[in-house]
N, C-alpha and C. Protein backbone atom coordinates (compact mmCIF):
# COMPACT_ATOMS: atom_id res chain seq x y z
N MET A 1 -26.91 -9.65 4.92
CA MET A 1 -25.42 -9.55 4.92
C MET A 1 -25.03 -8.12 5.38
N ILE A 2 -24.33 -8.05 6.40
CA ILE A 2 -23.82 -6.57 6.82
C ILE A 2 -22.38 -6.58 6.31
N LEU A 3 -21.91 -5.58 5.68
CA LEU A 3 -20.60 -5.13 5.34
C LEU A 3 -20.27 -4.21 6.29
N ALA A 4 -19.30 -4.38 7.12
CA ALA A 4 -19.00 -3.60 8.21
C ALA A 4 -17.82 -2.75 7.65
N TYR A 5 -18.03 -1.38 7.82
CA TYR A 5 -16.90 -0.50 7.43
C TYR A 5 -15.49 -0.79 7.95
N ALA A 6 -15.53 -1.21 9.16
CA ALA A 6 -14.44 -1.36 9.98
C ALA A 6 -13.69 -2.73 9.40
N HIS A 7 -14.34 -3.49 8.78
CA HIS A 7 -13.58 -4.69 8.37
C HIS A 7 -12.97 -4.47 6.95
N LEU A 8 -13.33 -3.36 6.33
CA LEU A 8 -12.81 -3.15 5.03
C LEU A 8 -12.04 -1.77 4.92
N HIS A 9 -10.99 -1.83 5.60
CA HIS A 9 -10.16 -0.66 5.92
C HIS A 9 -9.84 0.22 4.76
N ARG A 10 -9.60 -0.38 3.69
CA ARG A 10 -9.11 0.27 2.55
C ARG A 10 -10.44 0.73 1.81
N THR A 11 -11.01 1.93 2.21
CA THR A 11 -12.14 2.45 1.52
C THR A 11 -11.87 3.79 1.05
N LEU A 12 -12.32 4.11 -0.16
CA LEU A 12 -11.88 5.25 -0.97
C LEU A 12 -13.29 6.11 -1.06
N VAL A 13 -13.26 7.32 -0.54
CA VAL A 13 -14.37 8.17 -0.62
C VAL A 13 -14.21 9.11 -1.85
N ASP A 14 -15.19 8.90 -2.81
CA ASP A 14 -14.98 9.65 -4.14
C ASP A 14 -16.14 10.34 -4.47
N GLN A 15 -16.13 11.81 -4.04
CA GLN A 15 -17.33 12.72 -4.36
C GLN A 15 -17.82 12.69 -5.77
N GLU A 16 -16.86 12.31 -6.64
CA GLU A 16 -17.01 12.59 -8.12
C GLU A 16 -17.79 11.30 -8.61
N SER A 17 -17.80 10.17 -7.83
CA SER A 17 -18.33 8.87 -8.27
C SER A 17 -19.83 8.99 -8.17
N SER A 18 -20.54 8.50 -9.28
CA SER A 18 -22.03 8.41 -9.13
C SER A 18 -22.59 7.08 -8.55
N VAL A 19 -21.53 5.97 -8.40
CA VAL A 19 -21.97 4.79 -7.99
C VAL A 19 -21.08 4.34 -6.78
N ASP A 20 -21.49 3.20 -6.19
CA ASP A 20 -20.59 2.80 -5.09
C ASP A 20 -20.14 1.31 -5.62
N ILE A 21 -18.69 1.18 -5.58
CA ILE A 21 -18.01 0.03 -6.09
C ILE A 21 -17.50 -0.96 -4.90
N LEU A 22 -17.54 -2.28 -5.19
CA LEU A 22 -17.04 -3.20 -4.29
C LEU A 22 -16.09 -3.98 -5.45
N PHE A 23 -14.83 -3.97 -4.88
CA PHE A 23 -13.87 -4.57 -5.77
C PHE A 23 -13.79 -6.15 -5.71
N LYS A 24 -13.68 -6.82 -6.55
CA LYS A 24 -13.74 -8.36 -6.46
C LYS A 24 -12.99 -8.97 -5.46
N PRO A 25 -11.84 -8.67 -5.12
CA PRO A 25 -10.95 -9.27 -3.95
C PRO A 25 -11.90 -9.07 -2.64
N ALA A 26 -12.53 -7.86 -2.33
CA ALA A 26 -13.30 -7.67 -1.23
C ALA A 26 -14.60 -8.47 -1.27
N PHE A 27 -15.09 -8.48 -2.34
CA PHE A 27 -16.26 -9.42 -2.53
C PHE A 27 -16.03 -10.87 -2.10
N ASP A 28 -14.93 -11.27 -2.48
CA ASP A 28 -14.57 -12.75 -2.22
C ASP A 28 -14.02 -12.76 -0.74
N LYS A 29 -13.40 -11.73 -0.14
CA LYS A 29 -12.93 -11.88 1.14
C LYS A 29 -14.29 -11.91 2.19
N LEU A 30 -15.42 -11.47 1.70
CA LEU A 30 -16.60 -11.29 2.51
C LEU A 30 -17.35 -12.63 2.30
N GLY A 31 -16.86 -13.54 1.52
CA GLY A 31 -17.48 -14.90 1.30
C GLY A 31 -18.79 -14.85 0.52
N LEU A 32 -18.84 -13.75 -0.22
CA LEU A 32 -19.99 -13.72 -1.17
C LEU A 32 -19.96 -14.59 -2.50
N ASP A 33 -21.19 -14.98 -2.95
CA ASP A 33 -21.11 -15.77 -4.07
C ASP A 33 -21.65 -15.07 -5.45
N GLU A 34 -20.90 -15.07 -6.56
CA GLU A 34 -21.33 -14.59 -7.81
C GLU A 34 -22.76 -14.77 -8.17
N LYS A 35 -23.35 -15.99 -7.63
CA LYS A 35 -24.81 -16.25 -7.79
C LYS A 35 -25.73 -15.17 -7.25
N GLU A 36 -25.29 -14.39 -6.21
CA GLU A 36 -26.18 -13.41 -5.63
C GLU A 36 -26.07 -12.11 -6.23
N LEU A 37 -25.23 -12.02 -7.26
CA LEU A 37 -25.12 -10.86 -8.25
C LEU A 37 -26.37 -10.69 -9.14
N ARG A 38 -26.88 -9.41 -9.18
CA ARG A 38 -27.92 -9.21 -10.26
C ARG A 38 -27.15 -8.48 -11.38
N ALA A 39 -27.81 -8.59 -12.52
CA ALA A 39 -27.30 -8.13 -13.71
C ALA A 39 -27.03 -6.53 -13.73
N TYR A 40 -26.04 -6.03 -14.12
CA TYR A 40 -25.92 -4.40 -14.31
C TYR A 40 -25.52 -4.34 -15.80
N PRO A 41 -26.50 -3.65 -16.43
CA PRO A 41 -26.41 -3.48 -17.95
C PRO A 41 -25.44 -2.61 -18.43
N ASP A 42 -24.98 -1.67 -17.71
CA ASP A 42 -24.20 -0.65 -18.17
C ASP A 42 -22.66 -0.90 -18.03
N THR A 43 -21.99 0.05 -18.78
CA THR A 43 -20.43 -0.04 -18.64
C THR A 43 -19.95 1.19 -17.82
N LEU A 44 -18.91 0.92 -17.05
CA LEU A 44 -18.36 1.98 -16.24
C LEU A 44 -17.19 2.56 -16.86
N TYR A 45 -17.01 4.01 -16.48
CA TYR A 45 -16.03 4.60 -17.18
C TYR A 45 -15.30 5.39 -16.10
N GLY A 46 -13.99 5.57 -16.08
CA GLY A 46 -13.14 6.33 -15.00
C GLY A 46 -12.45 5.47 -13.91
N LEU A 47 -12.60 4.23 -14.13
CA LEU A 47 -11.95 3.19 -13.23
C LEU A 47 -10.49 2.68 -13.58
N GLY A 48 -10.14 3.23 -14.84
CA GLY A 48 -8.87 2.91 -15.43
C GLY A 48 -8.75 3.50 -16.76
N ASP A 49 -7.86 2.81 -17.62
CA ASP A 49 -7.89 3.48 -18.96
C ASP A 49 -8.88 2.86 -19.93
N THR A 50 -9.55 1.86 -19.57
CA THR A 50 -10.54 1.37 -20.49
C THR A 50 -11.96 1.20 -19.81
N PRO A 51 -12.90 1.21 -20.64
CA PRO A 51 -14.31 0.88 -19.98
C PRO A 51 -14.38 -0.48 -19.22
N VAL A 52 -15.06 -0.38 -18.19
CA VAL A 52 -15.30 -1.75 -17.35
C VAL A 52 -16.61 -2.32 -17.40
N LYS A 53 -16.86 -3.46 -17.70
CA LYS A 53 -17.90 -4.14 -17.58
C LYS A 53 -18.12 -4.85 -16.22
N PRO A 54 -19.07 -4.41 -15.38
CA PRO A 54 -19.28 -4.92 -14.10
C PRO A 54 -19.72 -6.33 -14.08
N LEU A 55 -19.33 -7.10 -13.14
CA LEU A 55 -19.89 -8.44 -12.82
C LEU A 55 -21.52 -8.47 -12.52
N GLY A 56 -21.82 -7.52 -11.98
CA GLY A 56 -23.15 -7.23 -11.53
C GLY A 56 -23.19 -6.38 -10.36
N PHE A 57 -24.34 -6.29 -9.62
CA PHE A 57 -24.45 -5.63 -8.40
C PHE A 57 -25.12 -6.34 -7.32
N ILE A 58 -24.92 -5.94 -6.01
CA ILE A 58 -25.47 -6.56 -4.95
C ILE A 58 -25.92 -5.72 -3.85
N LEU A 59 -27.03 -5.84 -3.23
CA LEU A 59 -27.48 -5.07 -2.11
C LEU A 59 -26.87 -5.50 -0.84
N LEU A 60 -26.22 -4.59 -0.19
CA LEU A 60 -25.47 -5.03 1.10
C LEU A 60 -25.99 -3.92 2.27
N HIS A 61 -26.31 -4.38 3.45
CA HIS A 61 -26.62 -3.49 4.53
C HIS A 61 -25.10 -3.23 4.91
N THR A 62 -24.92 -1.96 4.87
CA THR A 62 -23.46 -1.71 5.17
C THR A 62 -23.53 -0.58 6.35
N THR A 63 -22.63 -0.97 7.45
CA THR A 63 -22.39 -0.33 8.68
C THR A 63 -21.21 0.55 8.68
N PHE A 64 -21.33 1.90 8.75
CA PHE A 64 -20.33 2.89 8.89
C PHE A 64 -20.18 3.11 10.42
N GLU A 65 -18.97 2.83 10.96
CA GLU A 65 -18.94 2.82 12.46
C GLU A 65 -17.58 3.48 12.82
N LYS A 66 -17.58 4.02 14.09
CA LYS A 66 -16.53 4.52 14.72
C LYS A 66 -16.84 4.35 16.22
N GLY A 67 -16.25 3.34 16.77
CA GLY A 67 -16.52 2.97 18.21
C GLY A 67 -17.91 2.55 18.43
N ILE A 68 -18.60 3.24 19.51
CA ILE A 68 -20.08 2.74 19.49
C ILE A 68 -20.90 3.63 18.59
N LYS A 69 -20.48 4.50 17.82
CA LYS A 69 -21.27 5.37 16.93
C LYS A 69 -21.30 4.70 15.60
N SER A 70 -22.49 4.34 14.98
CA SER A 70 -22.69 3.78 13.87
C SER A 70 -23.87 4.14 13.02
N LYS A 71 -23.99 3.94 11.88
CA LYS A 71 -25.05 4.15 10.86
C LYS A 71 -25.12 2.95 9.89
N THR A 72 -26.27 2.46 9.49
CA THR A 72 -26.43 1.36 8.64
C THR A 72 -27.23 1.68 7.55
N LEU A 73 -26.76 1.55 6.14
CA LEU A 73 -27.55 1.79 5.04
C LEU A 73 -27.64 0.44 4.18
N SER A 74 -28.64 0.44 3.39
CA SER A 74 -28.75 -0.62 2.42
C SER A 74 -28.15 0.04 1.09
N ILE A 75 -27.09 -0.57 0.58
CA ILE A 75 -26.38 0.09 -0.62
C ILE A 75 -26.21 -0.87 -1.58
N ASP A 76 -26.48 -0.60 -2.90
CA ASP A 76 -26.26 -1.23 -4.09
C ASP A 76 -24.91 -1.08 -4.50
N PHE A 77 -23.93 -2.18 -4.46
CA PHE A 77 -22.58 -2.08 -4.73
C PHE A 77 -22.38 -2.78 -6.13
N ILE A 78 -21.72 -2.12 -6.96
CA ILE A 78 -21.45 -2.67 -8.31
C ILE A 78 -20.04 -3.30 -8.02
N VAL A 79 -20.08 -4.59 -8.47
CA VAL A 79 -18.83 -5.46 -8.27
C VAL A 79 -18.14 -5.38 -9.62
N VAL A 80 -16.80 -5.13 -9.48
CA VAL A 80 -15.93 -5.05 -10.68
C VAL A 80 -14.41 -5.71 -10.31
N ILE A 81 -14.12 -6.31 -11.43
CA ILE A 81 -12.69 -6.81 -11.44
C ILE A 81 -11.85 -5.65 -12.00
N VAL A 82 -11.27 -4.92 -11.25
CA VAL A 82 -10.21 -3.82 -11.67
C VAL A 82 -9.20 -3.83 -10.59
N GLY A 83 -8.00 -3.65 -10.96
CA GLY A 83 -6.88 -3.73 -9.91
C GLY A 83 -7.00 -2.32 -9.09
N SER A 84 -7.07 -2.48 -7.77
CA SER A 84 -7.21 -1.34 -6.92
C SER A 84 -6.51 -1.40 -5.58
N ALA A 85 -5.94 -0.54 -4.74
CA ALA A 85 -5.34 -0.70 -3.54
C ALA A 85 -6.73 -0.71 -2.48
N TYR A 86 -7.78 -0.51 -2.91
CA TYR A 86 -8.92 -0.18 -2.16
C TYR A 86 -9.86 -1.50 -2.39
N ASN A 87 -10.71 -1.62 -1.31
CA ASN A 87 -11.65 -2.79 -1.25
C ASN A 87 -13.02 -2.04 -1.60
N VAL A 88 -13.29 -0.85 -1.28
CA VAL A 88 -14.69 -0.20 -1.59
C VAL A 88 -14.44 1.21 -2.10
N LEU A 89 -15.19 1.57 -2.93
CA LEU A 89 -15.48 3.09 -3.40
C LEU A 89 -16.91 3.57 -2.92
N ILE A 90 -16.91 4.56 -2.10
CA ILE A 90 -18.09 5.16 -1.76
C ILE A 90 -18.36 6.29 -2.61
N GLY A 91 -19.57 6.46 -3.31
CA GLY A 91 -19.70 7.55 -4.09
C GLY A 91 -20.51 8.58 -3.45
N ARG A 92 -20.87 9.78 -4.28
CA ARG A 92 -21.71 10.87 -3.76
C ARG A 92 -22.97 10.51 -3.34
N THR A 93 -23.68 9.60 -4.02
CA THR A 93 -25.12 9.26 -3.59
C THR A 93 -25.13 8.81 -2.08
N THR A 94 -24.21 7.89 -1.77
CA THR A 94 -24.14 7.35 -0.26
C THR A 94 -23.57 8.42 0.55
N LEU A 95 -22.65 9.25 0.08
CA LEU A 95 -22.19 10.31 1.00
C LEU A 95 -23.40 11.36 1.35
N ASN A 96 -24.24 11.40 0.47
CA ASN A 96 -25.40 12.24 0.70
C ASN A 96 -26.22 11.73 1.55
N ARG A 97 -26.55 10.43 1.21
CA ARG A 97 -27.46 9.66 2.14
C ARG A 97 -27.10 9.64 3.63
N LEU A 98 -25.68 9.47 3.85
CA LEU A 98 -25.20 9.62 5.08
C LEU A 98 -25.16 10.83 5.74
N GLY A 99 -25.22 12.09 4.93
CA GLY A 99 -25.13 13.35 5.35
C GLY A 99 -23.73 13.57 5.70
N ALA A 100 -22.69 12.88 5.11
CA ALA A 100 -21.36 13.01 5.33
C ALA A 100 -20.82 14.49 5.03
N VAL A 101 -19.86 14.74 5.71
CA VAL A 101 -18.99 16.14 5.33
C VAL A 101 -17.76 15.47 5.14
N VAL A 102 -17.19 15.81 3.95
CA VAL A 102 -15.76 15.22 3.59
C VAL A 102 -14.90 16.40 3.45
N SER A 103 -13.84 16.29 4.07
CA SER A 103 -12.88 17.35 3.99
C SER A 103 -11.56 16.87 3.61
N THR A 104 -10.72 17.75 3.12
CA THR A 104 -9.53 17.48 2.40
C THR A 104 -8.52 16.56 3.25
N PRO A 105 -8.32 16.73 4.65
CA PRO A 105 -7.57 15.88 5.29
C PRO A 105 -8.22 14.47 5.78
N SER A 106 -9.32 14.14 4.88
CA SER A 106 -9.72 12.81 5.02
C SER A 106 -10.50 12.60 6.27
N VAL A 107 -11.26 13.57 6.64
CA VAL A 107 -12.19 13.33 7.73
C VAL A 107 -13.53 13.44 7.42
N HIS A 108 -14.26 12.25 7.77
CA HIS A 108 -15.75 12.17 7.43
C HIS A 108 -16.57 12.26 8.72
N GLU A 109 -17.50 13.14 8.67
CA GLU A 109 -18.36 13.31 9.78
C GLU A 109 -19.80 13.05 9.30
N ILE A 110 -20.46 12.02 10.14
CA ILE A 110 -21.60 11.36 9.72
C ILE A 110 -22.66 11.47 10.83
N PRO A 111 -23.62 12.34 10.63
CA PRO A 111 -24.60 12.56 11.65
C PRO A 111 -25.40 11.11 11.99
N ILE A 112 -25.52 10.76 13.35
CA ILE A 112 -26.26 9.67 13.57
C ILE A 112 -27.03 9.89 14.80
N PRO A 113 -27.87 8.99 15.22
CA PRO A 113 -28.82 9.40 16.33
C PRO A 113 -28.04 9.85 17.68
N GLU A 114 -26.97 9.36 17.86
CA GLU A 114 -26.41 9.54 19.14
C GLU A 114 -25.45 10.89 19.08
N GLY A 115 -25.45 11.48 17.93
CA GLY A 115 -24.57 12.79 17.61
C GLY A 115 -23.97 12.70 16.40
N ILE A 116 -22.65 12.97 16.33
CA ILE A 116 -21.59 12.99 15.05
C ILE A 116 -20.66 11.70 15.13
N ALA A 117 -20.53 10.91 14.25
CA ALA A 117 -19.34 10.14 14.20
C ALA A 117 -18.35 10.57 13.19
N THR A 118 -17.17 10.61 13.81
CA THR A 118 -15.92 11.23 12.85
C THR A 118 -15.26 9.95 12.60
N ILE A 119 -14.90 9.91 11.37
CA ILE A 119 -14.04 8.73 10.94
C ILE A 119 -12.86 9.44 10.09
N ARG A 120 -11.75 9.19 10.66
CA ARG A 120 -10.49 9.83 10.23
C ARG A 120 -9.76 8.95 9.21
N GLY A 121 -9.16 9.49 8.10
CA GLY A 121 -8.47 8.74 7.08
C GLY A 121 -6.98 8.69 7.80
N ASP A 122 -6.35 7.73 7.32
CA ASP A 122 -4.95 7.31 7.67
C ASP A 122 -4.02 7.50 6.44
N GLN A 123 -3.47 8.71 6.34
CA GLN A 123 -2.53 9.31 5.23
C GLN A 123 -1.48 8.18 5.00
N LYS A 124 -0.88 7.81 6.04
CA LYS A 124 0.35 6.77 5.80
C LYS A 124 -0.20 5.45 5.21
N LEU A 125 -1.38 4.98 5.65
CA LEU A 125 -1.75 3.85 5.17
C LEU A 125 -2.47 4.06 3.77
N ALA A 126 -2.96 5.29 3.56
CA ALA A 126 -3.39 5.42 2.12
C ALA A 126 -2.25 5.61 1.08
N ARG A 127 -1.09 6.09 1.42
CA ARG A 127 0.06 6.15 0.58
C ARG A 127 0.66 4.75 0.35
N LYS A 128 0.53 4.02 1.47
CA LYS A 128 1.03 2.57 1.44
C LYS A 128 0.31 1.84 0.35
N CYS A 129 -1.20 1.96 0.52
CA CYS A 129 -1.99 1.23 -0.45
C CYS A 129 -1.90 1.69 -1.82
N TYR A 130 -1.56 3.11 -2.10
CA TYR A 130 -1.41 3.55 -3.37
C TYR A 130 -0.15 3.05 -3.88
N ASN A 131 0.99 2.85 -3.24
CA ASN A 131 2.24 2.37 -3.68
C ASN A 131 2.05 0.96 -3.91
N GLU A 132 1.48 0.21 -3.19
CA GLU A 132 1.29 -1.19 -3.53
C GLU A 132 0.49 -1.34 -4.68
N ALA A 133 -0.46 -0.59 -5.13
CA ALA A 133 -1.29 -0.68 -6.33
C ALA A 133 -0.38 -0.44 -7.55
C-alpha cells in the first residue's frame, strides 16, 4: 500500500512528536481494514486533554512528492481516533529519515536523488483546517 503525500493534503509536521500518526478518518479514506493493524501496547500523550489508546499501527510505503520529485519511505503509522483537522502527523524520526529541513513558514526541503524537493505549506488552508477543528 502506498500512502501518497499528495492525496492527504492535511499533513502536520511536528518536530516534537516521536511517532507518526494516521488519524482514523484518513485510515478509512485509504480503504484500509482494521484487521491489518498490529497491536500497539503503549498509550499516547499530547494529542489532547487525555491519554489516547491507539487502535494499532500499520506499515505503509509513503511517498512524499512535489511534481516529478519524490521520496518513498516505509513508515509505521500509529492509528488513533482523535478529532483533528489533519489526516497525518509526521514526527521527528521520519523527518530525520527524510533529511527534511523544516522552517517556520512551513517549507519542507527533502533531499532526493534528483536534487531537492521543496514542499510548501499553505497557511490559508492550515488556518481553515484549524478553524474547522
